[in-house]
Amino acid sequence: MWKRSNFTAMLSPILLLRVGVGLTLLYIGVVAVADPETWALYVPLWVPGPAVSCITVCGVLDLVLAALIIAGRALPLASFLAAFHFAALILGYGVDDATFQSFGLMFASLALFVLSLPEE
């Protein structure tokens, strides 16, 4: 029979969230920095400045957040910023088949934020 204690002894929920959110941000960051021209089409017209620059800056931010989250450093801040970033994607671009997954990533990042807060 499956028991939570069997799994949490090997894998904590916070570790699973760190790996899942962190690797997702790592992938997004690498793709954005490697080929910003392809992704520039998704930048809303109201965003100031060149779209390619926006994608590159967001890609670098994704890479920094990925490194912090995977390493478990500044976890409350990094996971909160990741949740904010995913929320900004949803609000800025809108919801479609490609961005709908950002809801799950936003809430996973929020869960990571809550779990990483120090206990009183």
PDB file of N, CA and C in Angstrom:
ATOM      1  N   MET A   1       0.841  -1.183   0.000  1.00  0.00           N
ATOM      2  CA  MET A   1       0.000   0.000   0.000  1.00  0.00           C
ATOM      3  C   MET A   1       0.884   1.242   0.000  1.00  0.00           C
ATOM      4  N   TRP A   2       0.440   2.256  -0.670  1.00  0.00           N
ATOM      5  CA  TRP A   2       1.184   3.500  -0.752  1.00  0.00           C
ATOM      6  C   TRP A   2       0.974   4.320   0.512  1.00  0.00           C
ATOM      7  N   LYS A   3       2.060   4.791   1.075  1.00  0.00           N
ATOM      8  CA  LYS A   3       1.993   5.645   2.257  1.00  0.00           C
ATOM      9  C   LYS A   3       2.877   6.855   2.019  1.00  0.00           C
ATOM     10  N   ARG A   4       2.416   7.983   2.509  1.00  0.00           N
ATOM     11  CA  ARG A   4       3.180   9.206   2.311  1.00  0.00           C
ATOM     12  C   ARG A   4       4.544   9.127   2.972  1.00  0.00           C
ATOM     13  N   SER A   5       4.630   8.477   4.112  1.00  0.00           N
ATOM     14  CA  SER A   5       5.911   8.412   4.825  1.00  0.00           C
ATOM     15  C   SER A   5       6.979   7.690   4.006  1.00  0.00           C
ATOM     16  N   ASN A   6       6.565   6.730   3.162  1.00  0.00           N
ATOM     17  CA  ASN A   6       7.526   6.034   2.313  1.00  0.00           C
ATOM     18  C   ASN A   6       8.169   6.980   1.297  1.00  0.00           C
ATOM     19  N   PHE A   7       7.393   7.925   0.793  1.00  0.00           N
ATOM     20  CA  PHE A   7       7.896   8.844  -0.220  1.00  0.00           C
ATOM     21  C   PHE A   7       8.612  10.039   0.397  1.00  0.00           C
ATOM     22  N   THR A   8       8.046  10.601   1.467  1.00  0.00           N
ATOM     23  CA  THR A   8       8.654  11.795   2.043  1.00  0.00           C
ATOM     24  C   THR A   8       9.985  11.491   2.713  1.00  0.00           C
ATOM     25  N   ALA A   9      10.247  10.227   3.031  1.00  0.00           N
ATOM     26  CA  ALA A   9      11.563   9.874   3.567  1.00  0.00           C
ATOM     27  C   ALA A   9      12.634  10.038   2.487  1.00  0.00           C
ATOM     28  N   MET A  10      12.272   9.831   1.226  1.00  0.00           N
ATOM     29  CA  MET A  10      13.221   9.944   0.118  1.00  0.00           C
ATOM     30  C   MET A  10      13.115  11.293  -0.592  1.00  0.00           C
ATOM     31  N   LEU A  11      11.895  11.728  -0.824  1.00  0.00           N
ATOM     32  CA  LEU A  11      11.665  12.943  -1.609  1.00  0.00           C
ATOM     33  C   LEU A  11      10.686  13.848  -0.871  1.00  0.00           C
ATOM     34  N   SER A  12      11.146  15.001  -0.480  1.00  0.00           N
ATOM     35  CA  SER A  12      10.236  15.936   0.180  1.00  0.00           C
ATOM     36  C   SER A  12       9.427  16.679  -0.877  1.00  0.00           C
ATOM     37  N   PRO A  13       8.218  17.093  -0.532  1.00  0.00           N
ATOM     38  CA  PRO A  13       7.412  17.858  -1.489  1.00  0.00           C
ATOM     39  C   PRO A  13       8.113  19.131  -1.955  1.00  0.00           C
ATOM     40  N   ILE A  14       8.851  19.786  -1.061  1.00  0.00           N
ATOM     41  CA  ILE A  14       9.541  21.013  -1.448  1.00  0.00           C
ATOM     42  C   ILE A  14      10.647  20.718  -2.475  1.00  0.00           C
ATOM     43  N   LEU A  15      11.310  19.591  -2.337  1.00  0.00           N
ATOM     44  CA  LEU A  15      12.339  19.218  -3.316  1.00  0.00           C
ATOM     45  C   LEU A  15      11.709  18.938  -4.679  1.00  0.00           C
ATOM     46  N   LEU A  16      10.597  18.243  -4.688  1.00  0.00           N
ATOM     47  CA  LEU A  16       9.912  17.953  -5.951  1.00  0.00           C
ATOM     48  C   LEU A  16       9.463  19.241  -6.633  1.00  0.00           C
ATOM     49  N   LEU A  17       8.929  20.180  -5.860  1.00  0.00           N
ATOM     50  CA  LEU A  17       8.522  21.464  -6.422  1.00  0.00           C
ATOM     51  C   LEU A  17       9.733  22.254  -6.924  1.00  0.00           C
ATOM     52  N   ARG A  18      10.829  22.240  -6.170  1.00  0.00           N
ATOM     53  CA  ARG A  18      12.041  22.942  -6.602  1.00  0.00           C
ATOM     54  C   ARG A  18      12.544  22.405  -7.929  1.00  0.00           C
ATOM     55  N   VAL A  19      12.588  21.092  -8.061  1.00  0.00           N
ATOM     56  CA  VAL A  19      13.077  20.483  -9.303  1.00  0.00           C
ATOM     57  C   VAL A  19      12.120  20.783 -10.457  1.00  0.00           C
ATOM     58  N   GLY A  20      10.827  20.626 -10.235  1.00  0.00           N
ATOM     59  CA  GLY A  20       9.854  20.854 -11.311  1.00  0.00           C
ATOM     60  C   GLY A  20       9.817  22.289 -11.793  1.00  0.00           C
ATOM     61  N   VAL A  21       9.685  23.227 -10.868  1.00  0.00           N
ATOM     62  CA  VAL A  21       9.640  24.641 -11.246  1.00  0.00           C
ATOM     63  C   VAL A  21      11.003  25.085 -11.765  1.00  0.00           C
ATOM     64  N   GLY A  22      12.067  24.665 -11.103  1.00  0.00           N
ATOM     65  CA  GLY A  22      13.417  25.073 -11.500  1.00  0.00           C
ATOM     66  C   GLY A  22      13.795  24.598 -12.887  1.00  0.00           C
ATOM     67  N   LEU A  23      13.532  23.336 -13.194  1.00  0.00           N
ATOM     68  CA  LEU A  23      13.878  22.827 -14.527  1.00  0.00           C
ATOM     69  C   LEU A  23      13.023  23.465 -15.615  1.00  0.00           C
ATOM     70  N   THR A  24      11.772  23.768 -15.294  1.00  0.00           N
ATOM     71  CA  THR A  24      10.913  24.456 -16.264  1.00  0.00           C
ATOM     72  C   THR A  24      11.472  25.844 -16.570  1.00  0.00           C
ATOM     73  N   LEU A  25      11.841  26.581 -15.522  1.00  0.00           N
ATOM     74  CA  LEU A  25      12.426  27.905 -15.731  1.00  0.00           C
ATOM     75  C   LEU A  25      13.761  27.822 -16.472  1.00  0.00           C
ATOM     76  N   LEU A  26      14.540  26.802 -16.166  1.00  0.00           N
ATOM     77  CA  LEU A  26      15.817  26.616 -16.855  1.00  0.00           C
ATOM     78  C   LEU A  26      15.599  26.416 -18.355  1.00  0.00           C
ATOM     79  N   TYR A  27      14.658  25.554 -18.702  1.00  0.00           N
ATOM     80  CA  TYR A  27      14.356  25.307 -20.115  1.00  0.00           C
ATOM     81  C   TYR A  27      13.869  26.582 -20.804  1.00  0.00           C
ATOM     82  N   ILE A  28      12.929  27.278 -20.163  1.00  0.00           N
ATOM     83  CA  ILE A  28      12.395  28.512 -20.742  1.00  0.00           C
ATOM     84  C   ILE A  28      13.514  29.528 -20.949  1.00  0.00           C
ATOM     85  N   GLY A  29      14.384  29.663 -19.950  1.00  0.00           N
ATOM     86  CA  GLY A  29      15.477  30.622 -20.040  1.00  0.00           C
ATOM     87  C   GLY A  29      16.461  30.299 -21.139  1.00  0.00           C
ATOM     88  N   VAL A  30      16.834  29.039 -21.261  1.00  0.00           N
ATOM     89  CA  VAL A  30      17.785  28.636 -22.306  1.00  0.00           C
ATOM     90  C   VAL A  30      17.198  28.888 -23.687  1.00  0.00           C
ATOM     91  N   VAL A  31      15.953  28.505 -23.884  1.00  0.00           N
ATOM     92  CA  VAL A  31      15.307  28.690 -25.185  1.00  0.00           C
ATOM     93  C   VAL A  31      15.175  30.177 -25.511  1.00  0.00           C
ATOM     94  N   ALA A  32      14.807  30.989 -24.520  1.00  0.00           N
ATOM     95  CA  ALA A  32      14.617  32.424 -24.761  1.00  0.00           C
ATOM     96  C   ALA A  32      15.938  33.115 -25.096  1.00  0.00           C
ATOM     97  N   VAL A  33      16.998  32.778 -24.376  1.00  0.00           N
ATOM     98  CA  VAL A  33      18.294  33.414 -24.622  1.00  0.00           C
ATOM     99  C   VAL A  33      18.911  32.911 -25.932  1.00  0.00           C
ATOM    100  N   ALA A  34      18.717  31.644 -26.243  1.00  0.00           N
ATOM    101  CA  ALA A  34      19.311  31.067 -27.457  1.00  0.00           C
ATOM    102  C   ALA A  34      18.658  31.575 -28.737  1.00  0.00           C
ATOM    103  N   ASP A  35      17.351  31.837 -28.695  1.00  0.00           N
ATOM    104  CA  ASP A  35      16.644  32.248 -29.910  1.00  0.00           C
ATOM    105  C   ASP A  35      15.538  33.258 -29.574  1.00  0.00           C
ATOM    106  N   PRO A  36      15.909  34.459 -29.145  1.00  0.00           N
ATOM    107  CA  PRO A  36      14.886  35.433 -28.742  1.00  0.00           C
ATOM    108  C   PRO A  36      14.007  35.914 -29.896  1.00  0.00           C
ATOM    109  N   GLU A  37      14.526  35.863 -31.123  1.00  0.00           N
ATOM    110  CA  GLU A  37      13.739  36.336 -32.265  1.00  0.00           C
ATOM    111  C   GLU A  37      12.455  35.525 -32.447  1.00  0.00           C
ATOM    112  N   THR A  38      12.553  34.226 -32.255  1.00  0.00           N
ATOM    113  CA  THR A  38      11.375  33.363 -32.409  1.00  0.00           C
ATOM    114  C   THR A  38      10.298  33.715 -31.390  1.00  0.00           C
ATOM    115  N   TRP A  39      10.705  33.995 -30.165  1.00  0.00           N
ATOM    116  CA  TRP A  39       9.753  34.246 -29.079  1.00  0.00           C
ATOM    117  C   TRP A  39       9.302  35.692 -29.023  1.00  0.00           C
ATOM    118  N   ALA A  40       9.970  36.584 -29.739  1.00  0.00           N
ATOM    119  CA  ALA A  40       9.612  38.007 -29.718  1.00  0.00           C
ATOM    120  C   ALA A  40       8.197  38.249 -30.241  1.00  0.00           C
ATOM    121  N   LEU A  41       7.710  37.340 -31.059  1.00  0.00           N
ATOM    122  CA  LEU A  41       6.347  37.475 -31.600  1.00  0.00           C
ATOM    123  C   LEU A  41       5.282  37.432 -30.508  1.00  0.00           C
ATOM    124  N   TYR A  42       5.617  36.849 -29.354  1.00  0.00           N
ATOM    125  CA  TYR A  42       4.654  36.697 -28.274  1.00  0.00           C
ATOM    126  C   TYR A  42       4.637  37.881 -27.316  1.00  0.00           C
ATOM    127  N   VAL A  43       5.525  38.840 -27.505  1.00  0.00           N
ATOM    128  CA  VAL A  43       5.556  40.008 -26.627  1.00  0.00           C
ATOM    129  C   VAL A  43       4.417  40.941 -27.031  1.00  0.00           C
ATOM    130  N   PRO A  44       3.558  41.328 -26.080  1.00  0.00           N
ATOM    131  CA  PRO A  44       2.457  42.237 -26.418  1.00  0.00           C
ATOM    132  C   PRO A  44       2.969  43.580 -26.944  1.00  0.00           C
ATOM    133  N   LEU A  45       2.191  44.194 -27.799  1.00  0.00           N
ATOM    134  CA  LEU A  45       2.597  45.447 -28.424  1.00  0.00           C
ATOM    135  C   LEU A  45       2.763  46.588 -27.421  1.00  0.00           C
ATOM    136  N   TRP A  46       2.066  46.509 -26.284  1.00  0.00           N
ATOM    137  CA  TRP A  46       2.141  47.597 -25.307  1.00  0.00           C
ATOM    138  C   TRP A  46       3.430  47.572 -24.479  1.00  0.00           C
ATOM    139  N   VAL A  47       4.215  46.496 -24.573  1.00  0.00           N
ATOM    140  CA  VAL A  47       5.476  46.421 -23.834  1.00  0.00           C
ATOM    141  C   VAL A  47       6.474  47.371 -24.486  1.00  0.00           C
ATOM    142  N   PRO A  48       7.059  48.296 -23.685  1.00  0.00           N
ATOM    143  CA  PRO A  48       7.990  49.254 -24.282  1.00  0.00           C
ATOM    144  C   PRO A  48       9.320  48.600 -24.661  1.00  0.00           C
ATOM    145  N   GLY A  49       9.961  49.146 -25.667  1.00  0.00           N
ATOM    146  CA  GLY A  49      11.274  48.659 -26.085  1.00  0.00           C
ATOM    147  C   GLY A  49      11.181  47.540 -27.095  1.00  0.00           C
ATOM    148  N   PRO A  50      12.347  47.124 -27.598  1.00  0.00           N
ATOM    149  CA  PRO A  50      12.376  46.044 -28.587  1.00  0.00           C
ATOM    150  C   PRO A  50      11.941  44.707 -27.966  1.00  0.00           C
ATOM    151  N   ALA A  51      11.143  43.984 -28.693  1.00  0.00           N
ATOM    152  CA  ALA A  51      10.624  42.701 -28.206  1.00  0.00           C
ATOM    153  C   ALA A  51      11.746  41.695 -27.968  1.00  0.00           C
ATOM    154  N   VAL A  52      12.758  41.700 -28.817  1.00  0.00           N
ATOM    155  CA  VAL A  52      13.878  40.767 -28.667  1.00  0.00           C
ATOM    156  C   VAL A  52      14.607  41.039 -27.347  1.00  0.00           C
ATOM    157  N   SER A  53      14.775  42.306 -27.015  1.00  0.00           N
ATOM    158  CA  SER A  53      15.425  42.653 -25.745  1.00  0.00           C
ATOM    159  C   SER A  53      14.587  42.192 -24.557  1.00  0.00           C
ATOM    160  N   CYS A  54      13.287  42.359 -24.665  1.00  0.00           N
ATOM    161  CA  CYS A  54      12.383  41.911 -23.597  1.00  0.00           C
ATOM    162  C   CYS A  54      12.511  40.412 -23.381  1.00  0.00           C
ATOM    163  N   ILE A  55      12.520  39.646 -24.452  1.00  0.00           N
ATOM    164  CA  ILE A  55      12.646  38.191 -24.352  1.00  0.00           C
ATOM    165  C   ILE A  55      13.992  37.808 -23.759  1.00  0.00           C
ATOM    166  N   THR A  56      15.052  38.484 -24.167  1.00  0.00           N
ATOM    167  CA  THR A  56      16.383  38.179 -23.646  1.00  0.00           C
ATOM    168  C   THR A  56      16.465  38.469 -22.152  1.00  0.00           C
ATOM    169  N   VAL A  57      15.945  39.608 -21.727  1.00  0.00           N
ATOM    170  CA  VAL A  57      15.946  39.962 -20.304  1.00  0.00           C
ATOM    171  C   VAL A  57      15.121  38.953 -19.505  1.00  0.00           C
ATOM    172  N   CYS A  58      13.950  38.603 -20.016  1.00  0.00           N
ATOM    173  CA  CYS A  58      13.116  37.602 -19.334  1.00  0.00           C
ATOM    174  C   CYS A  58      13.820  36.250 -19.282  1.00  0.00           C
ATOM    175  N   GLY A  59      14.519  35.896 -20.347  1.00  0.00           N
ATOM    176  CA  GLY A  59      15.263  34.639 -20.373  1.00  0.00           C
ATOM    177  C   GLY A  59      16.359  34.601 -19.328  1.00  0.00           C
ATOM    178  N   VAL A  60      17.073  35.699 -19.184  1.00  0.00           N
ATOM    179  CA  VAL A  60      18.118  35.773 -18.161  1.00  0.00           C
ATOM    180  C   VAL A  60      17.495  35.701 -16.772  1.00  0.00           C
ATOM    181  N   LEU A  61      16.383  36.405 -16.576  1.00  0.00           N
ATOM    182  CA  LEU A  61      15.659  36.319 -15.299  1.00  0.00           C
ATOM    183  C   LEU A  61      15.244  34.880 -15.012  1.00  0.00           C
ATOM    184  N   ASP A  62      14.725  34.187 -16.019  1.00  0.00           N
ATOM    185  CA  ASP A  62      14.337  32.780 -15.859  1.00  0.00           C
ATOM    186  C   ASP A  62      15.531  31.926 -15.435  1.00  0.00           C
ATOM    187  N   LEU A  63      16.690  32.171 -16.037  1.00  0.00           N
ATOM    188  CA  LEU A  63      17.885  31.393 -15.697  1.00  0.00           C
ATOM    189  C   LEU A  63      18.338  31.664 -14.264  1.00  0.00           C
ATOM    190  N   VAL A  64      18.280  32.908 -13.839  1.00  0.00           N
ATOM    191  CA  VAL A  64      18.664  33.254 -12.461  1.00  0.00           C
ATOM    192  C   VAL A  64      17.696  32.612 -11.468  1.00  0.00           C
ATOM    193  N   LEU A  65      16.397  32.738 -11.738  1.00  0.00           N
ATOM    194  CA  LEU A  65      15.395  32.134 -10.852  1.00  0.00           C
ATOM    195  C   LEU A  65      15.552  30.612 -10.818  1.00  0.00           C
ATOM    196  N   ALA A  66      15.817  30.006 -11.969  1.00  0.00           N
ATOM    197  CA  ALA A  66      16.015  28.550 -12.021  1.00  0.00           C
ATOM    198  C   ALA A  66      17.187  28.138 -11.145  1.00  0.00           C
ATOM    199  N   ALA A  67      18.301  28.846 -11.262  1.00  0.00           N
ATOM    200  CA  ALA A  67      19.485  28.514 -10.471  1.00  0.00           C
ATOM    201  C   ALA A  67      19.205  28.645  -8.978  1.00  0.00           C
ATOM    202  N   LEU A  68      18.545  29.728  -8.588  1.00  0.00           N
ATOM    203  CA  LEU A  68      18.235  29.936  -7.168  1.00  0.00           C
ATOM    204  C   LEU A  68      17.281  28.864  -6.634  1.00  0.00           C
ATOM    205  N   ILE A  69      16.256  28.558  -7.414  1.00  0.00           N
ATOM    206  CA  ILE A  69      15.260  27.583  -6.951  1.00  0.00           C
ATOM    207  C   ILE A  69      15.856  26.185  -6.895  1.00  0.00           C
ATOM    208  N   ILE A  70      16.578  25.778  -7.907  1.00  0.00           N
ATOM    209  CA  ILE A  70      17.173  24.439  -7.901  1.00  0.00           C
ATOM    210  C   ILE A  70      18.178  24.308  -6.758  1.00  0.00           C
ATOM    211  N   ALA A  71      18.965  25.364  -6.527  1.00  0.00           N
ATOM    212  CA  ALA A  71      19.965  25.329  -5.453  1.00  0.00           C
ATOM    213  C   ALA A  71      19.351  25.521  -4.070  1.00  0.00           C
ATOM    214  N   GLY A  72      18.104  25.964  -4.031  1.00  0.00           N
ATOM    215  CA  GLY A  72      17.451  26.196  -2.744  1.00  0.00           C
ATOM    216  C   GLY A  72      17.933  27.469  -2.062  1.00  0.00           C
ATOM    217  N   ARG A  73      18.445  28.411  -2.817  1.00  0.00           N
ATOM    218  CA  ARG A  73      18.946  29.682  -2.286  1.00  0.00           C
ATOM    219  C   ARG A  73      17.883  30.772  -2.441  1.00  0.00           C
ATOM    220  N   ALA A  74      17.743  31.604  -1.415  1.00  0.00           N
ATOM    221  CA  ALA A  74      16.763  32.699  -1.445  1.00  0.00           C
ATOM    222  C   ALA A  74      15.408  32.175  -1.937  1.00  0.00           C
ATOM    223  N   LEU A  75      15.032  31.018  -1.449  1.00  0.00           N
ATOM    224  CA  LEU A  75      13.863  30.309  -1.976  1.00  0.00           C
ATOM    225  C   LEU A  75      12.552  31.084  -1.856  1.00  0.00           C
ATOM    226  N   PRO A  76      12.262  31.716  -0.718  1.00  0.00           N
ATOM    227  CA  PRO A  76      11.003  32.474  -0.677  1.00  0.00           C
ATOM    228  C   PRO A  76      10.952  33.576  -1.736  1.00  0.00           C
ATOM    229  N   LEU A  77      12.030  34.327  -1.876  1.00  0.00           N
ATOM    230  CA  LEU A  77      12.063  35.412  -2.853  1.00  0.00           C
ATOM    231  C   LEU A  77      12.013  34.867  -4.281  1.00  0.00           C
ATOM    232  N   ALA A  78      12.826  33.876  -4.577  1.00  0.00           N
ATOM    233  CA  ALA A  78      12.891  33.329  -5.938  1.00  0.00           C
ATOM    234  C   ALA A  78      11.560  32.694  -6.348  1.00  0.00           C
ATOM    235  N   SER A  79      10.929  31.948  -5.453  1.00  0.00           N
ATOM    236  CA  SER A  79       9.660  31.296  -5.810  1.00  0.00           C
ATOM    237  C   SER A  79       8.531  32.322  -5.938  1.00  0.00           C
ATOM    238  N   PHE A  80       8.570  33.374  -5.108  1.00  0.00           N
ATOM    239  CA  PHE A  80       7.565  34.432  -5.241  1.00  0.00           C
ATOM    240  C   PHE A  80       7.731  35.155  -6.571  1.00  0.00           C
ATOM    241  N   LEU A  81       8.977  35.479  -6.938  1.00  0.00           N
ATOM    242  CA  LEU A  81       9.228  36.142  -8.221  1.00  0.00           C
ATOM    243  C   LEU A  81       8.843  35.246  -9.396  1.00  0.00           C
ATOM    244  N   ALA A  82       9.059  33.941  -9.261  1.00  0.00           N
ATOM    245  CA  ALA A  82       8.645  33.011 -10.321  1.00  0.00           C
ATOM    246  C   ALA A  82       7.128  33.019 -10.467  1.00  0.00           C
ATOM    247  N   ALA A  83       6.408  32.996  -9.346  1.00  0.00           N
ATOM    248  CA  ALA A  83       4.942  33.039  -9.395  1.00  0.00           C
ATOM    249  C   ALA A  83       4.476  34.348 -10.036  1.00  0.00           C
ATOM    250  N   PHE A  84       5.115  35.445  -9.658  1.00  0.00           N
ATOM    251  CA  PHE A  84       4.781  36.748 -10.241  1.00  0.00           C
ATOM    252  C   PHE A  84       5.057  36.750 -11.747  1.00  0.00           C
ATOM    253  N   HIS A  85       6.164  36.158 -12.141  1.00  0.00           N
ATOM    254  CA  HIS A  85       6.534  36.083 -13.561  1.00  0.00           C
ATOM    255  C   HIS A  85       5.489  35.291 -14.357  1.00  0.00           C
ATOM    256  N   PHE A  86       5.064  34.151 -13.823  1.00  0.00           N
ATOM    257  CA  PHE A  86       4.043  33.357 -14.521  1.00  0.00           C
ATOM    258  C   PHE A  86       2.708  34.103 -14.569  1.00  0.00           C
ATOM    259  N   ALA A  87       2.373  34.809 -13.497  1.00  0.00           N
ATOM    260  CA  ALA A  87       1.141  35.606 -13.489  1.00  0.00           C
ATOM    261  C   ALA A  87       1.218  36.723 -14.526  1.00  0.00           C
ATOM    262  N   ALA A  88       2.389  37.355 -14.628  1.00  0.00           N
ATOM    263  CA  ALA A  88       2.563  38.416 -15.624  1.00  0.00           C
ATOM    264  C   ALA A  88       2.411  37.871 -17.044  1.00  0.00           C
ATOM    265  N   LEU A  89       2.900  36.652 -17.278  1.00  0.00           N
ATOM    266  CA  LEU A  89       2.716  36.033 -18.600  1.00  0.00           C
ATOM    267  C   LEU A  89       1.238  35.838 -18.906  1.00  0.00           C
ATOM    268  N   ILE A  90       0.494  35.367 -17.918  1.00  0.00           N
ATOM    269  CA  ILE A  90      -0.941  35.126 -18.114  1.00  0.00           C
ATOM    270  C   ILE A  90      -1.670  36.440 -18.371  1.00  0.00           C
ATOM    271  N   LEU A  91      -1.393  37.440 -17.539  1.00  0.00           N
ATOM    272  CA  LEU A  91      -2.085  38.721 -17.664  1.00  0.00           C
ATOM    273  C   LEU A  91      -1.631  39.499 -18.888  1.00  0.00           C
ATOM    274  N   GLY A  92      -0.351  39.427 -19.216  1.00  0.00           N
ATOM    275  CA  GLY A  92       0.181  40.201 -20.335  1.00  0.00           C
ATOM    276  C   GLY A  92      -0.154  39.630 -21.689  1.00  0.00           C
ATOM    277  N   TYR A  93      -0.081  38.308 -21.795  1.00  0.00           N
ATOM    278  CA  TYR A  93      -0.306  37.677 -23.094  1.00  0.00           C
ATOM    279  C   TYR A  93      -1.732  37.173 -23.248  1.00  0.00           C
ATOM    280  N   GLY A  94      -2.327  36.771 -22.152  1.00  0.00           N
ATOM    281  CA  GLY A  94      -3.654  36.184 -22.204  1.00  0.00           C
ATOM    282  C   GLY A  94      -3.570  34.672 -22.085  1.00  0.00           C
ATOM    283  N   VAL A  95      -4.717  34.052 -22.081  1.00  0.00           N
ATOM    284  CA  VAL A  95      -4.777  32.601 -21.909  1.00  0.00           C
ATOM    285  C   VAL A  95      -5.110  31.957 -23.244  1.00  0.00           C
ATOM    286  N   ASP A  96      -4.287  31.015 -23.626  1.00  0.00           N
ATOM    287  CA  ASP A  96      -4.560  30.184 -24.792  1.00  0.00           C
ATOM    288  C   ASP A  96      -3.955  28.810 -24.529  1.00  0.00           C
ATOM    289  N   ASP A  97      -3.895  27.971 -25.538  1.00  0.00           N
ATOM    290  CA  ASP A  97      -3.383  26.614 -25.348  1.00  0.00           C
ATOM    291  C   ASP A  97      -1.932  26.608 -24.885  1.00  0.00           C
ATOM    292  N   ALA A  98      -1.160  27.610 -25.291  1.00  0.00           N
ATOM    293  CA  ALA A  98       0.254  27.652 -24.931  1.00  0.00           C
ATOM    294  C   ALA A  98       0.485  28.219 -23.534  1.00  0.00           C
ATOM    295  N   THR A  99      -0.322  29.182 -23.112  1.00  0.00           N
ATOM    296  CA  THR A  99      -0.084  29.831 -21.819  1.00  0.00           C
ATOM    297  C   THR A  99      -0.890  29.222 -20.677  1.00  0.00           C
ATOM    298  N   PHE A 100      -1.826  28.348 -20.981  1.00  0.00           N
ATOM    299  CA  PHE A 100      -2.662  27.780 -19.925  1.00  0.00           C
ATOM    300  C   PHE A 100      -1.827  27.044 -18.877  1.00  0.00           C
ATOM    301  N   GLN A 101      -0.719  26.447 -19.301  1.00  0.00           N
ATOM    302  CA  GLN A 101       0.139  25.734 -18.359  1.00  0.00           C
ATOM    303  C   GLN A 101       0.758  26.671 -17.334  1.00  0.00           C
ATOM    304  N   SER A 102       0.800  27.953 -17.625  1.00  0.00           N
ATOM    305  CA  SER A 102       1.354  28.915 -16.673  1.00  0.00           C
ATOM    306  C   SER A 102       0.532  28.980 -15.389  1.00  0.00           C
ATOM    307  N   PHE A 103      -0.750  28.628 -15.445  1.00  0.00           N
ATOM    308  CA  PHE A 103      -1.554  28.576 -14.216  1.00  0.00           C
ATOM    309  C   PHE A 103      -0.977  27.555 -13.240  1.00  0.00           C
ATOM    310  N   GLY A 104      -0.716  26.360 -13.727  1.00  0.00           N
ATOM    311  CA  GLY A 104      -0.150  25.322 -12.870  1.00  0.00           C
ATOM    312  C   GLY A 104       1.218  25.699 -12.350  1.00  0.00           C
ATOM    313  N   LEU A 105       2.044  26.293 -13.204  1.00  0.00           N
ATOM    314  CA  LEU A 105       3.379  26.720 -12.781  1.00  0.00           C
ATOM    315  C   LEU A 105       3.301  27.861 -11.776  1.00  0.00           C
ATOM    316  N   MET A 106       2.351  28.766 -11.957  1.00  0.00           N
ATOM    317  CA  MET A 106       2.182  29.860 -11.005  1.00  0.00           C
ATOM    318  C   MET A 106       1.802  29.320  -9.631  1.00  0.00           C
ATOM    319  N   PHE A 107       0.853  28.398  -9.591  1.00  0.00           N
ATOM    320  CA  PHE A 107       0.421  27.859  -8.298  1.00  0.00           C
ATOM    321  C   PHE A 107       1.473  26.936  -7.690  1.00  0.00           C
ATOM    322  N   ALA A 108       2.236  26.216  -8.504  1.00  0.00           N
ATOM    323  CA  ALA A 108       3.345  25.415  -7.974  1.00  0.00           C
ATOM    324  C   ALA A 108       4.395  26.340  -7.362  1.00  0.00           C
ATOM    325  N   SER A 109       4.661  27.468  -8.007  1.00  0.00           N
ATOM    326  CA  SER A 109       5.610  28.444  -7.463  1.00  0.00           C
ATOM    327  C   SER A 109       5.089  29.056  -6.170  1.00  0.00           C
ATOM    328  N   LEU A 110       3.787  29.322  -6.121  1.00  0.00           N
ATOM    329  CA  LEU A 110       3.194  29.845  -4.876  1.00  0.00           C
ATOM    330  C   LEU A 110       3.262  28.818  -3.750  1.00  0.00           C
ATOM    331  N   ALA A 111       3.033  27.556  -4.077  1.00  0.00           N
ATOM    332  CA  ALA A 111       3.158  26.499  -3.064  1.00  0.00           C
ATOM    333  C   ALA A 111       4.592  26.420  -2.559  1.00  0.00           C
ATOM    334  N   LEU A 112       5.543  26.525  -3.456  1.00  0.00           N
ATOM    335  CA  LEU A 112       6.952  26.519  -3.074  1.00  0.00           C
ATOM    336  C   LEU A 112       7.264  27.719  -2.181  1.00  0.00           C
ATOM    337  N   PHE A 113       6.710  28.861  -2.502  1.00  0.00           N
ATOM    338  CA  PHE A 113       6.891  30.065  -1.675  1.00  0.00           C
ATOM    339  C   PHE A 113       6.369  29.811  -0.263  1.00  0.00           C
ATOM    340  N   VAL A 114       5.156  29.307  -0.141  1.00  0.00           N
ATOM    341  CA  VAL A 114       4.556  29.083   1.172  1.00  0.00           C
ATOM    342  C   VAL A 114       5.364  28.042   1.964  1.00  0.00           C
ATOM    343  N   LEU A 115       5.751  26.968   1.300  1.00  0.00           N
ATOM    344  CA  LEU A 115       6.520  25.904   1.981  1.00  0.00           C
ATOM    345  C   LEU A 115       7.918  26.355   2.391  1.00  0.00           C
ATOM    346  N   SER A 116       8.450  27.343   1.701  1.00  0.00           N
ATOM    347  CA  SER A 116       9.819  27.766   1.993  1.00  0.00           C
ATOM    348  C   SER A 116       9.897  28.883   3.043  1.00  0.00           C
ATOM    349  N   LEU A 117       8.751  29.409   3.429  1.00  0.00           N
ATOM    350  CA  LEU A 117       8.759  30.446   4.466  1.00  0.00           C
ATOM    351  C   LEU A 117       9.231  29.867   5.789  1.00  0.00           C
ATOM    352  N   PRO A 118      10.000  30.637   6.556  1.00  0.00           N
ATOM    353  CA  PRO A 118      10.462  30.114   7.852  1.00  0.00           C
ATOM    354  C   PRO A 118       9.290  29.928   8.819  1.00  0.00           C
ATOM    355  N   GLU A 119       9.417  28.901   9.647  1.00  0.00           N
ATOM    356  CA  GLU A 119       8.383  28.672  10.659  1.00  0.00           C
ATOM    357  C   GLU A 119       8.592  29.646  11.805  1.00  0.00           C
ATOM    358  N   GLU A 120       7.518  29.983  12.463  1.00  0.00           N
ATOM    359  CA  GLU A 120       7.619  30.963  13.555  1.00  0.00           C
ATOM    360  C   GLU A 120       8.260  30.382  14.764  1.00  0.00           C
TER     361      GLU A 120
END
